[in-house]
Amino acid sequence: MSNTIHILLITLELHIPYAQSLKEKRKHIKSLRDRLRAKFNASVAEIDSLDDWQRSVIGITMISNDRRYLESQYSAVEMLVMEYRDVQLVQMNREWQ
């Protein structure tokens, strides 16, 4: 009997309106990354726009044998990011493996 493994990759494109330097941007992004890791037990990394002060692209990866669970986690990630006051969600995408 084989179990199906589902891998979800979430890509967040973010605007950081209050960042006036890379140091400020990194502070906001680190806080958000830490929050996402703690709440969702997910792998989280900044994957693009590393040198742009007010833009960031973050990748989040989760794995489970229950696709419905991951779909609910996708919605929960969206809610957490929307409530996070230091960044604005520009775009959010998901890919399944």
N, C-alpha and C. Protein backbone atom coordinates (compact mmCIF):
# COMPACT_ATOMS: atom_id res chain seq x y z
N MET A 1 0.85 -1.18 0.00
CA MET A 1 0.00 0.00 0.00
C MET A 1 0.89 1.24 0.00
N SER A 2 0.67 2.13 -0.96
CA SER A 2 1.50 3.33 -1.02
C SER A 2 0.68 4.57 -0.67
N ASN A 3 1.31 5.47 0.03
CA ASN A 3 0.67 6.73 0.40
C ASN A 3 1.05 7.80 -0.61
N THR A 4 0.11 8.66 -0.93
CA THR A 4 0.39 9.78 -1.80
C THR A 4 0.96 10.92 -0.98
N ILE A 5 2.05 11.47 -1.44
CA ILE A 5 2.68 12.60 -0.77
C ILE A 5 2.38 13.85 -1.60
N HIS A 6 1.92 14.88 -0.93
CA HIS A 6 1.63 16.15 -1.59
C HIS A 6 2.62 17.20 -1.10
N ILE A 7 3.21 17.93 -2.04
CA ILE A 7 4.13 19.01 -1.72
C ILE A 7 3.53 20.30 -2.26
N LEU A 8 3.41 21.27 -1.38
CA LEU A 8 2.84 22.56 -1.75
C LEU A 8 3.93 23.62 -1.67
N LEU A 9 4.11 24.34 -2.78
CA LEU A 9 5.01 25.49 -2.81
C LEU A 9 4.15 26.74 -2.94
N ILE A 10 4.26 27.62 -1.96
CA ILE A 10 3.55 28.90 -1.97
C ILE A 10 4.58 29.99 -2.23
N THR A 11 4.27 30.86 -3.19
CA THR A 11 5.14 31.99 -3.49
C THR A 11 4.39 33.27 -3.16
N LEU A 12 5.01 34.09 -2.30
CA LEU A 12 4.42 35.36 -1.89
C LEU A 12 5.24 36.49 -2.49
N GLU A 13 4.58 37.39 -3.20
CA GLU A 13 5.24 38.61 -3.64
C GLU A 13 4.76 39.71 -2.70
N LEU A 14 5.70 40.37 -2.06
CA LEU A 14 5.38 41.33 -1.01
C LEU A 14 5.93 42.71 -1.31
N HIS A 15 5.21 43.71 -0.85
CA HIS A 15 5.67 45.10 -0.86
C HIS A 15 5.89 45.49 0.60
N ILE A 16 7.04 46.11 0.88
CA ILE A 16 7.37 46.53 2.24
C ILE A 16 7.44 48.06 2.23
N PRO A 17 6.31 48.74 2.43
CA PRO A 17 6.25 50.18 2.20
C PRO A 17 7.08 51.02 3.17
N TYR A 18 7.33 50.53 4.36
CA TYR A 18 8.02 51.34 5.37
C TYR A 18 9.53 51.12 5.40
N ALA A 19 10.03 50.21 4.58
CA ALA A 19 11.47 49.93 4.57
C ALA A 19 12.19 51.03 3.80
N GLN A 20 13.16 51.64 4.45
CA GLN A 20 13.96 52.69 3.82
C GLN A 20 15.40 52.23 3.59
N SER A 21 15.68 50.97 3.89
CA SER A 21 17.01 50.39 3.68
C SER A 21 16.87 48.87 3.64
N LEU A 22 17.93 48.23 3.18
CA LEU A 22 17.92 46.76 3.20
C LEU A 22 17.86 46.22 4.62
N LYS A 23 18.48 46.93 5.55
CA LYS A 23 18.46 46.50 6.95
C LYS A 23 17.03 46.49 7.48
N GLU A 24 16.26 47.53 7.20
CA GLU A 24 14.85 47.58 7.64
C GLU A 24 14.03 46.50 6.96
N LYS A 25 14.26 46.32 5.65
CA LYS A 25 13.52 45.28 4.92
C LYS A 25 13.79 43.91 5.55
N ARG A 26 15.05 43.61 5.81
CA ARG A 26 15.41 42.30 6.37
C ARG A 26 14.78 42.09 7.74
N LYS A 27 14.66 43.16 8.51
CA LYS A 27 14.02 43.05 9.83
C LYS A 27 12.56 42.62 9.68
N HIS A 28 11.84 43.27 8.75
CA HIS A 28 10.43 42.93 8.53
C HIS A 28 10.27 41.52 7.97
N ILE A 29 11.12 41.17 7.01
CA ILE A 29 11.02 39.86 6.37
C ILE A 29 11.40 38.75 7.35
N LYS A 30 12.43 38.96 8.16
CA LYS A 30 12.82 37.96 9.15
C LYS A 30 11.70 37.70 10.14
N SER A 31 11.05 38.76 10.57
CA SER A 31 9.93 38.61 11.51
C SER A 31 8.81 37.79 10.89
N LEU A 32 8.47 38.09 9.64
CA LEU A 32 7.41 37.34 8.95
C LEU A 32 7.84 35.89 8.73
N ARG A 33 9.07 35.66 8.28
CA ARG A 33 9.57 34.29 8.07
C ARG A 33 9.50 33.48 9.36
N ASP A 34 9.94 34.08 10.46
CA ASP A 34 9.92 33.38 11.75
C ASP A 34 8.50 33.03 12.16
N ARG A 35 7.58 33.94 11.94
CA ARG A 35 6.17 33.70 12.28
C ARG A 35 5.59 32.56 11.44
N LEU A 36 5.88 32.57 10.13
CA LEU A 36 5.39 31.52 9.24
C LEU A 36 5.98 30.15 9.62
N ARG A 37 7.27 30.11 9.90
CA ARG A 37 7.92 28.85 10.30
C ARG A 37 7.30 28.29 11.57
N ALA A 38 7.10 29.17 12.55
CA ALA A 38 6.58 28.72 13.84
C ALA A 38 5.14 28.23 13.73
N LYS A 39 4.31 28.95 13.01
CA LYS A 39 2.89 28.62 12.94
C LYS A 39 2.61 27.41 12.06
N PHE A 40 3.35 27.28 10.95
CA PHE A 40 3.02 26.24 9.96
C PHE A 40 4.05 25.13 9.87
N ASN A 41 5.13 25.20 10.66
CA ASN A 41 6.18 24.19 10.59
C ASN A 41 6.60 23.96 9.14
N ALA A 42 6.86 25.06 8.44
CA ALA A 42 7.15 25.02 7.01
C ALA A 42 8.57 25.52 6.75
N SER A 43 9.09 25.18 5.59
CA SER A 43 10.35 25.75 5.13
C SER A 43 10.03 27.09 4.48
N VAL A 44 10.74 28.13 4.89
CA VAL A 44 10.46 29.49 4.41
C VAL A 44 11.78 30.16 4.06
N ALA A 45 11.83 30.78 2.86
CA ALA A 45 13.05 31.48 2.45
C ALA A 45 12.70 32.63 1.51
N GLU A 46 13.49 33.68 1.59
CA GLU A 46 13.38 34.76 0.60
C GLU A 46 14.08 34.27 -0.65
N ILE A 47 13.38 34.27 -1.80
CA ILE A 47 13.92 33.65 -3.00
C ILE A 47 14.16 34.62 -4.16
N ASP A 48 13.73 35.88 -4.02
CA ASP A 48 13.94 36.85 -5.11
C ASP A 48 13.87 38.25 -4.53
N SER A 49 14.34 39.21 -5.32
CA SER A 49 14.36 40.63 -4.95
C SER A 49 15.15 40.86 -3.66
N LEU A 50 16.26 40.16 -3.54
CA LEU A 50 17.06 40.23 -2.32
C LEU A 50 17.65 41.62 -2.07
N ASP A 51 17.94 42.37 -3.12
CA ASP A 51 18.57 43.68 -2.97
C ASP A 51 17.61 44.84 -3.18
N ASP A 52 16.33 44.57 -3.27
CA ASP A 52 15.31 45.61 -3.44
C ASP A 52 14.76 45.96 -2.06
N TRP A 53 14.82 47.22 -1.70
CA TRP A 53 14.43 47.66 -0.36
C TRP A 53 12.97 47.40 -0.02
N GLN A 54 12.08 47.56 -0.99
CA GLN A 54 10.65 47.51 -0.68
C GLN A 54 9.91 46.37 -1.36
N ARG A 55 10.63 45.39 -1.85
CA ARG A 55 10.01 44.25 -2.51
C ARG A 55 10.70 42.98 -2.05
N SER A 56 9.90 41.92 -1.91
CA SER A 56 10.44 40.63 -1.53
C SER A 56 9.58 39.52 -2.12
N VAL A 57 10.22 38.43 -2.46
CA VAL A 57 9.50 37.23 -2.88
C VAL A 57 9.93 36.12 -1.93
N ILE A 58 8.94 35.53 -1.28
CA ILE A 58 9.18 34.49 -0.29
C ILE A 58 8.58 33.17 -0.78
N GLY A 59 9.33 32.09 -0.61
CA GLY A 59 8.84 30.76 -0.92
C GLY A 59 8.58 29.99 0.36
N ILE A 60 7.45 29.30 0.39
CA ILE A 60 7.07 28.49 1.55
C ILE A 60 6.77 27.09 1.03
N THR A 61 7.36 26.07 1.65
CA THR A 61 7.13 24.70 1.23
C THR A 61 6.57 23.89 2.39
N MET A 62 5.50 23.12 2.08
CA MET A 62 4.89 22.23 3.07
C MET A 62 4.66 20.87 2.41
N ILE A 63 4.72 19.84 3.21
CA ILE A 63 4.51 18.48 2.71
C ILE A 63 3.53 17.75 3.63
N SER A 64 2.65 16.94 3.01
CA SER A 64 1.67 16.18 3.79
C SER A 64 1.11 15.06 2.92
N ASN A 65 0.51 14.09 3.55
CA ASN A 65 -0.20 13.06 2.79
C ASN A 65 -1.68 13.43 2.62
N ASP A 66 -2.09 14.60 3.11
CA ASP A 66 -3.47 15.06 3.04
C ASP A 66 -3.54 16.39 2.29
N ARG A 67 -3.98 16.33 1.03
CA ARG A 67 -4.02 17.54 0.20
C ARG A 67 -5.00 18.57 0.76
N ARG A 68 -6.12 18.13 1.30
CA ARG A 68 -7.09 19.08 1.88
C ARG A 68 -6.49 19.86 3.04
N TYR A 69 -5.67 19.19 3.82
CA TYR A 69 -4.98 19.87 4.91
C TYR A 69 -4.09 20.99 4.37
N LEU A 70 -3.32 20.68 3.32
CA LEU A 70 -2.45 21.69 2.73
C LEU A 70 -3.24 22.84 2.12
N GLU A 71 -4.39 22.53 1.53
CA GLU A 71 -5.24 23.59 0.99
C GLU A 71 -5.73 24.52 2.10
N SER A 72 -6.04 23.96 3.25
CA SER A 72 -6.46 24.81 4.37
C SER A 72 -5.28 25.62 4.90
N GLN A 73 -4.09 25.04 4.87
CA GLN A 73 -2.89 25.77 5.28
C GLN A 73 -2.61 26.94 4.33
N TYR A 74 -2.86 26.74 3.05
CA TYR A 74 -2.68 27.82 2.07
C TYR A 74 -3.55 29.02 2.45
N SER A 75 -4.80 28.76 2.77
CA SER A 75 -5.71 29.83 3.19
C SER A 75 -5.25 30.48 4.48
N ALA A 76 -4.74 29.68 5.40
CA ALA A 76 -4.28 30.22 6.68
C ALA A 76 -3.02 31.08 6.49
N VAL A 77 -2.14 30.69 5.59
CA VAL A 77 -0.96 31.51 5.27
C VAL A 77 -1.41 32.85 4.72
N GLU A 78 -2.36 32.82 3.80
CA GLU A 78 -2.87 34.07 3.22
C GLU A 78 -3.43 34.99 4.31
N MET A 79 -4.20 34.44 5.23
CA MET A 79 -4.77 35.26 6.30
C MET A 79 -3.68 35.85 7.18
N LEU A 80 -2.68 35.05 7.54
CA LEU A 80 -1.60 35.54 8.38
C LEU A 80 -0.86 36.70 7.70
N VAL A 81 -0.55 36.54 6.42
CA VAL A 81 0.19 37.59 5.70
C VAL A 81 -0.66 38.84 5.55
N MET A 82 -1.95 38.68 5.29
CA MET A 82 -2.84 39.83 5.15
C MET A 82 -2.95 40.61 6.47
N GLU A 83 -2.84 39.92 7.59
CA GLU A 83 -2.95 40.57 8.90
C GLU A 83 -1.63 41.19 9.36
N TYR A 84 -0.54 40.79 8.74
CA TYR A 84 0.79 41.28 9.12
C TYR A 84 0.93 42.73 8.66
N ARG A 85 1.10 43.64 9.58
CA ARG A 85 1.00 45.07 9.27
C ARG A 85 2.20 45.66 8.56
N ASP A 86 3.37 45.00 8.60
CA ASP A 86 4.57 45.58 8.03
C ASP A 86 4.79 45.28 6.55
N VAL A 87 3.97 44.41 5.98
CA VAL A 87 4.10 44.09 4.55
C VAL A 87 2.72 44.10 3.90
N GLN A 88 2.74 44.29 2.59
CA GLN A 88 1.51 44.23 1.80
C GLN A 88 1.64 43.08 0.81
N LEU A 89 0.64 42.22 0.76
CA LEU A 89 0.64 41.09 -0.16
C LEU A 89 0.26 41.59 -1.55
N VAL A 90 1.17 41.43 -2.51
CA VAL A 90 0.93 41.84 -3.89
C VAL A 90 0.33 40.69 -4.67
N GLN A 91 0.94 39.50 -4.49
CA GLN A 91 0.49 38.32 -5.23
C GLN A 91 0.86 37.08 -4.45
N MET A 92 0.01 36.05 -4.57
CA MET A 92 0.24 34.78 -3.89
C MET A 92 -0.10 33.65 -4.86
N ASN A 93 0.84 32.74 -5.05
CA ASN A 93 0.66 31.63 -5.97
C ASN A 93 0.95 30.31 -5.26
N ARG A 94 0.38 29.23 -5.81
CA ARG A 94 0.68 27.89 -5.28
C ARG A 94 0.96 26.95 -6.43
N GLU A 95 1.87 26.02 -6.14
CA GLU A 95 2.21 24.97 -7.08
C GLU A 95 2.20 23.65 -6.32
N TRP A 96 1.70 22.61 -6.96
CA TRP A 96 1.65 21.28 -6.35
C TRP A 96 2.68 20.37 -7.01
N GLN A 97 3.30 19.53 -6.20
CA GLN A 97 4.24 18.53 -6.71
C GLN A 97 3.74 17.16 -6.31
